[in-house]
Every structure is written in C-alpha cells, then in structure tokens.
C-alpha atoms as a PDB file:
ATOM      1  CA  UNK A   1      -0.366  -0.391  -0.324  1.00  0.00           C
ATOM      2  CA  UNK A   2       1.207   3.806  -0.859  1.00  0.00           C
ATOM      3  CA  UNK A   3      -0.174   6.978   0.898  1.00  0.00           C
ATOM      4  CA  UNK A   4       0.347   9.787  -1.868  1.00  0.00           C
ATOM      5  CA  UNK A   5      -1.676  13.475  -0.971  1.00  0.00           C
ATOM      6  CA  UNK A   6      -3.968  14.408  -3.379  1.00  0.00           C
ATOM      7  CA  UNK A   7      -4.610  18.170  -4.427  1.00  0.00           C
ATOM      8  CA  UNK A   8      -7.879  19.846  -5.974  1.00  0.00           C
ATOM      9  CA  UNK A   9      -8.068  22.667  -7.875  1.00  0.00           C
ATOM     10  CA  UNK A  10     -10.696  25.392  -9.339  1.00  0.00           C
ATOM     11  CA  UNK A  11     -14.269  23.323 -10.273  1.00  0.00           C
ATOM     12  CA  UNK A  12     -12.353  20.257  -8.799  1.00  0.00           C
ATOM     13  CA  UNK A  13     -11.993  21.666  -5.650  1.00  0.00           C
ATOM     14  CA  UNK A  14     -15.489  23.879  -5.780  1.00  0.00           C
ATOM     15  CA  UNK A  15     -17.086  20.494  -6.249  1.00  0.00           C
ATOM     16  CA  UNK A  16     -15.653  18.150  -3.923  1.00  0.00           C
ATOM     17  CA  UNK A  17     -15.952  20.776  -1.062  1.00  0.00           C
ATOM     18  CA  UNK A  18     -11.811  20.164  -0.362  1.00  0.00           C
ATOM     19  CA  UNK A  19      -8.456  21.451  -1.444  1.00  0.00           C
ATOM     20  CA  UNK A  20      -6.412  18.442  -0.268  1.00  0.00           C
ATOM     21  CA  UNK A  21      -6.543  14.718   1.402  1.00  0.00           C
ATOM     22  CA  UNK A  22      -4.373  11.509   1.575  1.00  0.00           C
ATOM     23  CA  UNK A  23      -4.888   8.980  -0.448  1.00  0.00           C
ATOM     24  CA  UNK A  24      -4.193   4.999   0.592  1.00  0.00           C
ATOM     25  CA  UNK A  25      -3.929   2.492  -2.245  1.00  0.00           C
ATOM     26  CA  UNK A  26      -1.843  -0.076  -4.360  1.00  0.00           C
ATOM     27  CA  UNK A  27      -0.855   2.460  -6.774  1.00  0.00           C
ATOM     28  CA  UNK A  28       1.674   2.304  -9.491  1.00  0.00           C
ATOM     29  CA  UNK A  29       0.607   5.398 -11.713  1.00  0.00           C
ATOM     30  CA  UNK A  30      -0.984   8.268 -11.340  1.00  0.00           C
ATOM     31  CA  UNK A  31      -3.818   7.282 -13.312  1.00  0.00           C
ATOM     32  CA  UNK A  32      -4.322   4.493 -10.466  1.00  0.00           C
ATOM     33  CA  UNK A  33      -4.976   7.571  -7.953  1.00  0.00           C
ATOM     34  CA  UNK A  34      -7.553   8.528 -10.216  1.00  0.00           C
ATOM     35  CA  UNK A  35      -9.635   5.439 -10.584  1.00  0.00           C
ATOM     36  CA  UNK A  36      -9.740   5.171  -6.979  1.00  0.00           C
ATOM     37  CA  UNK A  37     -11.274   8.216  -5.761  1.00  0.00           C
ATOM     38  CA  UNK A  38     -13.867   8.003  -9.272  1.00  0.00           C
ATOM     39  CA  UNK A  39     -14.413   4.177  -7.538  1.00  0.00           C
ATOM     40  CA  UNK A  40     -15.232   6.004  -4.450  1.00  0.00           C
ATOM     41  CA  UNK A  41     -18.784   7.394  -6.290  1.00  0.00           C
ATOM     42  CA  UNK A  42     -20.631  10.779  -5.808  1.00  0.00           C
ATOM     43  CA  UNK A  43     -19.206  13.518  -6.332  1.00  0.00           C
ATOM     44  CA  UNK A  44     -15.882  11.782  -7.354  1.00  0.00           C
ATOM     45  CA  UNK A  45     -17.026  10.649 -10.499  1.00  0.00           C
ATOM     46  CA  UNK A  46     -16.533  13.778 -12.067  1.00  0.00           C
ATOM     47  CA  UNK A  47     -12.616  12.752 -12.012  1.00  0.00           C
ATOM     48  CA  UNK A  48     -14.037  10.410 -15.091  1.00  0.00           C
ATOM     49  CA  UNK A  49     -13.474  13.451 -17.755  1.00  0.00           C
ATOM     50  CA  UNK A  50     -11.544  12.533 -20.000  1.00  0.00           C
ATOM     51  CA  UNK A  51      -9.350  15.191 -20.278  1.00  0.00           C
ATOM     52  CA  UNK A  52      -8.275  15.797 -16.730  1.00  0.00           C
ATOM     53  CA  UNK A  53      -5.260  17.376 -16.380  1.00  0.00           C
ATOM     54  CA  UNK A  54      -2.513  16.752 -13.192  1.00  0.00           C
ATOM     55  CA  UNK A  55       0.722  16.971 -11.861  1.00  0.00           C
ATOM     56  CA  UNK A  56       3.710  15.445  -9.961  1.00  0.00           C
ATOM     57  CA  UNK A  57       5.461  16.979  -7.440  1.00  0.00           C
ATOM     58  CA  UNK A  58       4.310  19.860  -8.820  1.00  0.00           C
ATOM     59  CA  UNK A  59       5.234  19.266 -12.063  1.00  0.00           C
ATOM     60  CA  UNK A  60       2.548  18.634 -15.230  1.00  0.00           C
ATOM     61  CA  UNK A  61       2.663  14.865 -16.175  1.00  0.00           C
ATOM     62  CA  UNK A  62       0.484  12.147 -17.862  1.00  0.00           C
ATOM     63  CA  UNK A  63      -1.875  10.295 -16.072  1.00  0.00           C
ATOM     64  CA  UNK A  64       0.741   6.777 -17.069  1.00  0.00           C
ATOM     65  CA  UNK A  65       3.311   8.494 -14.480  1.00  0.00           C
ATOM     66  CA  UNK A  66       5.249   6.246 -12.082  1.00  0.00           C
ATOM     67  CA  UNK A  67       4.381   7.226  -8.413  1.00  0.00           C
ATOM     68  CA  UNK A  68       6.355   6.704  -5.193  1.00  0.00           C
ATOM     69  CA  UNK A  69       5.326   6.723  -1.371  1.00  0.00           C
ATOM     70  CA  UNK A  70       4.912  10.436  -0.366  1.00  0.00           C
ATOM     71  CA  UNK A  71       4.195  11.741  -3.664  1.00  0.00           C
ATOM     72  CA  UNK A  72       1.519  14.531  -3.668  1.00  0.00           C
ATOM     73  CA  UNK A  73      -0.526  14.860  -6.702  1.00  0.00           C
ATOM     74  CA  UNK A  74      -2.904  16.748  -8.294  1.00  0.00           C
ATOM     75  CA  UNK A  75      -5.850  17.159 -10.409  1.00  0.00           C
ATOM     76  CA  UNK A  76      -7.181  20.390 -12.274  1.00  0.00           C
ATOM     77  CA  UNK A  77     -10.079  20.445 -15.143  1.00  0.00           C
ATOM     78  CA  UNK A  78      -8.739  20.811 -18.578  1.00  0.00           C
ATOM     79  CA  UNK A  79      -8.217  24.226 -19.977  1.00  0.00           C
ATOM     80  CA  UNK A  80     -10.021  25.951 -22.304  1.00  0.00           C
ATOM     81  CA  UNK A  81      -9.064  29.262 -24.377  1.00  0.00           C
ATOM     82  CA  UNK A  82     -10.805  31.575 -26.961  1.00  0.00           C
END
C-alpha cells in the first residue's frame, strides 16, 4: 500500500468541497489514484472526465506517470481557451 497526498484545483476543489486529502492504495501510476477516487462514487465521478489534467510533485505529467510513496498528486479540470 502506498500513501499519496491528492490536491484538487479550480472546479474540482469547489465541487468536492476539499483542497486536499491523503489517499492510500495499491498505486503504480497516477491514473491508479484517479481510478480509486472515481470508484468512491458520488461527487468523485467528476474525475472521470476524459481530459483531466494532472501533476506529480508540482510538475505537469500524464496519467501514466509512475508514483512513489509520499508523492503529491494534483488534479485540475481541462483548460479551455478562446
């Protein structure tokens, strides 16, 4: 089991009603954390968005980014421009 800190930004923080939380699970890559949160159901379903953006230890990355114990993971909604 691995523990990571998960942070939420923008609309995700507003809809989840929390800035950050600690999550424990059998995580290998960042997407494992996202899937575990989505599996909680309810308001966490918003993390199932196709273009969710993420970071590991304050650096943008992809969902297949490998994780290590104690990493900080962040999720934020896709950016739109115009």
